Amino acid sequence: MSEGFKNLIVWHKAYELTLEIYKMTARYPKHEQYGLVSQIRRAAISVNGNIAEGYERRHRREYIQFLNMAKGSLGEVEAYLLFSQDLGYISMELYRDVDLKRKEVGKLLTGLLRSLCSGPRTLAP
């Protein structure tokens, strides 16, 4: 039996990024719980959700649409990481480490999108 979207390297890398962001934000000040913490977590988990939902739609056009939404959420993560670093919530070293993972997910998403541009209209089960 196929594991579906869980077989995708990009999904696994995005999952690892999301876990890292959750761990990182657990150390943020309490007054950011409903601000920056909520926003960056929501954006990170949205990357995984959009990859999974697009895959399960089984139509190339919809899949591409959801992957593009995942890229948008990844852009949000980038912005929130910058805020986190500039506000002193994370060190420059942690910022670089997490941003490197974010960039890797972005490259994988771009590659997957490119491969889907010339693929069939429906995805194999």
Protein backbone atom coordinates (compact mmCIF):
# COMPACT_ATOMS: atom_id res chain seq x y z
CA MET A 1 0.00 0.00 0.00
CA SER A 2 1.28 3.45 -0.93
CA GLU A 3 2.01 6.00 1.77
CA GLY A 4 0.88 8.83 -0.54
CA PHE A 5 2.22 12.27 0.29
CA LYS A 6 4.28 10.78 3.14
CA ASN A 7 6.58 9.29 0.48
CA LEU A 8 7.50 12.77 -0.74
CA ILE A 9 10.90 14.04 0.35
CA VAL A 10 9.56 17.59 0.30
CA TRP A 11 6.81 16.64 2.76
CA HIS A 12 9.34 15.06 5.14
CA LYS A 13 11.66 18.08 4.96
CA ALA A 14 8.73 20.44 5.56
CA TYR A 15 7.64 18.25 8.49
CA GLU A 16 11.13 18.48 10.01
CA LEU A 17 11.08 22.25 9.52
CA THR A 18 7.71 22.50 11.26
CA LEU A 19 8.91 20.44 14.22
CA GLU A 20 11.99 22.66 14.48
CA ILE A 21 9.84 25.79 14.46
CA TYR A 22 7.57 24.40 17.17
CA LYS A 23 10.58 23.60 19.37
CA MET A 24 12.17 26.97 18.65
CA THR A 25 9.04 28.99 19.43
CA ALA A 26 8.45 27.15 22.71
CA ARG A 27 11.20 29.41 24.09
CA TYR A 28 9.65 32.70 22.90
CA PRO A 29 8.29 35.17 25.46
CA LYS A 30 4.79 34.39 26.76
CA HIS A 31 3.45 37.68 25.41
CA GLU A 32 4.14 36.39 21.87
CA GLN A 33 1.98 33.26 22.35
CA TYR A 34 -0.91 34.69 20.33
CA GLY A 35 1.25 36.86 18.11
CA LEU A 36 4.45 35.78 16.45
CA VAL A 37 4.42 32.24 17.88
CA SER A 38 0.94 31.58 16.54
CA GLN A 39 1.72 33.10 13.15
CA ILE A 40 4.98 31.28 12.44
CA ARG A 41 3.57 27.95 13.63
CA ARG A 42 0.46 28.37 11.52
CA ALA A 43 2.53 29.23 8.45
CA ALA A 44 4.92 26.31 8.96
CA ILE A 45 2.19 23.73 9.46
CA SER A 46 0.35 25.14 6.46
CA VAL A 47 3.26 24.12 4.24
CA ASN A 48 2.76 20.47 5.20
CA GLY A 49 -1.00 20.71 5.01
CA ASN A 50 -0.99 22.18 1.53
CA ILE A 51 1.46 19.59 0.20
CA ALA A 52 -0.72 16.79 1.61
CA GLU A 53 -4.04 18.27 0.51
CA GLY A 54 -2.82 18.99 -3.00
CA TYR A 55 -1.47 15.48 -3.35
CA GLU A 56 -4.74 13.96 -2.21
CA ARG A 57 -6.75 16.03 -4.72
CA ARG A 58 -5.28 13.80 -7.46
CA HIS A 59 -5.53 16.41 -10.22
CA ARG A 60 -2.38 18.07 -11.43
CA ARG A 61 -3.90 21.53 -11.67
CA GLU A 62 -5.15 21.44 -8.08
CA TYR A 63 -1.91 19.90 -6.87
CA ILE A 64 0.05 22.74 -8.44
CA GLN A 65 -2.31 25.27 -6.84
CA PHE A 66 -1.78 23.78 -3.37
CA LEU A 67 1.99 23.56 -3.86
CA ASN A 68 2.00 27.24 -4.74
CA MET A 69 0.07 27.95 -1.54
CA ALA A 70 2.71 25.93 0.34
CA LYS A 71 5.38 28.18 -1.21
CA GLY A 72 3.43 31.22 -0.06
CA SER A 73 3.31 29.89 3.49
CA LEU A 74 7.03 29.23 3.28
CA GLY A 75 7.47 32.90 2.41
CA GLU A 76 5.56 33.79 5.56
CA VAL A 77 7.89 31.56 7.57
CA GLU A 78 10.84 33.48 6.14
CA ALA A 79 9.36 36.81 7.20
CA TYR A 80 8.55 35.58 10.70
CA LEU A 81 12.04 34.13 11.11
CA LEU A 82 13.48 37.55 10.27
CA PHE A 83 11.23 39.19 12.86
CA SER A 84 12.23 36.55 15.40
CA GLN A 85 15.91 37.18 14.85
CA ASP A 86 15.61 40.96 14.77
CA LEU A 87 13.55 40.96 18.00
CA GLY A 88 16.23 38.86 19.69
CA TYR A 89 14.03 35.80 20.22
CA ILE A 90 16.49 33.58 18.35
CA SER A 91 20.22 33.77 17.80
CA MET A 92 21.77 34.47 14.42
CA GLU A 93 23.07 30.88 14.43
CA LEU A 94 19.61 29.40 15.02
CA TYR A 95 18.15 31.74 12.42
CA ARG A 96 20.70 30.53 9.85
CA ASP A 97 20.09 26.85 10.68
CA VAL A 98 16.30 27.09 10.44
CA ASP A 99 16.43 29.32 7.38
CA LEU A 100 18.70 26.81 5.65
CA LYS A 101 16.03 24.15 6.20
CA ARG A 102 13.39 26.57 4.91
CA LYS A 103 15.42 27.20 1.76
CA GLU A 104 15.81 23.45 1.20
CA VAL A 105 12.04 22.98 1.38
CA GLY A 106 11.63 25.87 -1.06
CA LYS A 107 14.01 24.29 -3.57
CA LEU A 108 12.24 20.94 -3.28
CA LEU A 109 8.85 22.59 -3.79
CA THR A 110 10.16 24.43 -6.85
CA GLY A 111 11.52 21.18 -8.28
CA LEU A 112 8.25 19.36 -7.69
CA LEU A 113 6.31 22.17 -9.31
CA ARG A 114 8.59 22.06 -12.35
CA SER A 115 8.15 18.31 -12.68
CA LEU A 116 4.38 18.66 -12.57
CA CYS A 117 4.30 21.23 -15.36
CA SER A 118 4.66 18.59 -18.05
CA GLY A 119 3.01 15.66 -16.21
CA PRO A 120 -0.40 14.01 -16.68
CA ARG A 121 -3.64 15.69 -15.60
CA THR A 122 -4.29 13.11 -12.91
CA LEU A 123 -1.82 11.53 -10.54
CA ALA A 124 -1.28 7.80 -10.20
CA PRO A 125 -2.86 6.25 -7.09
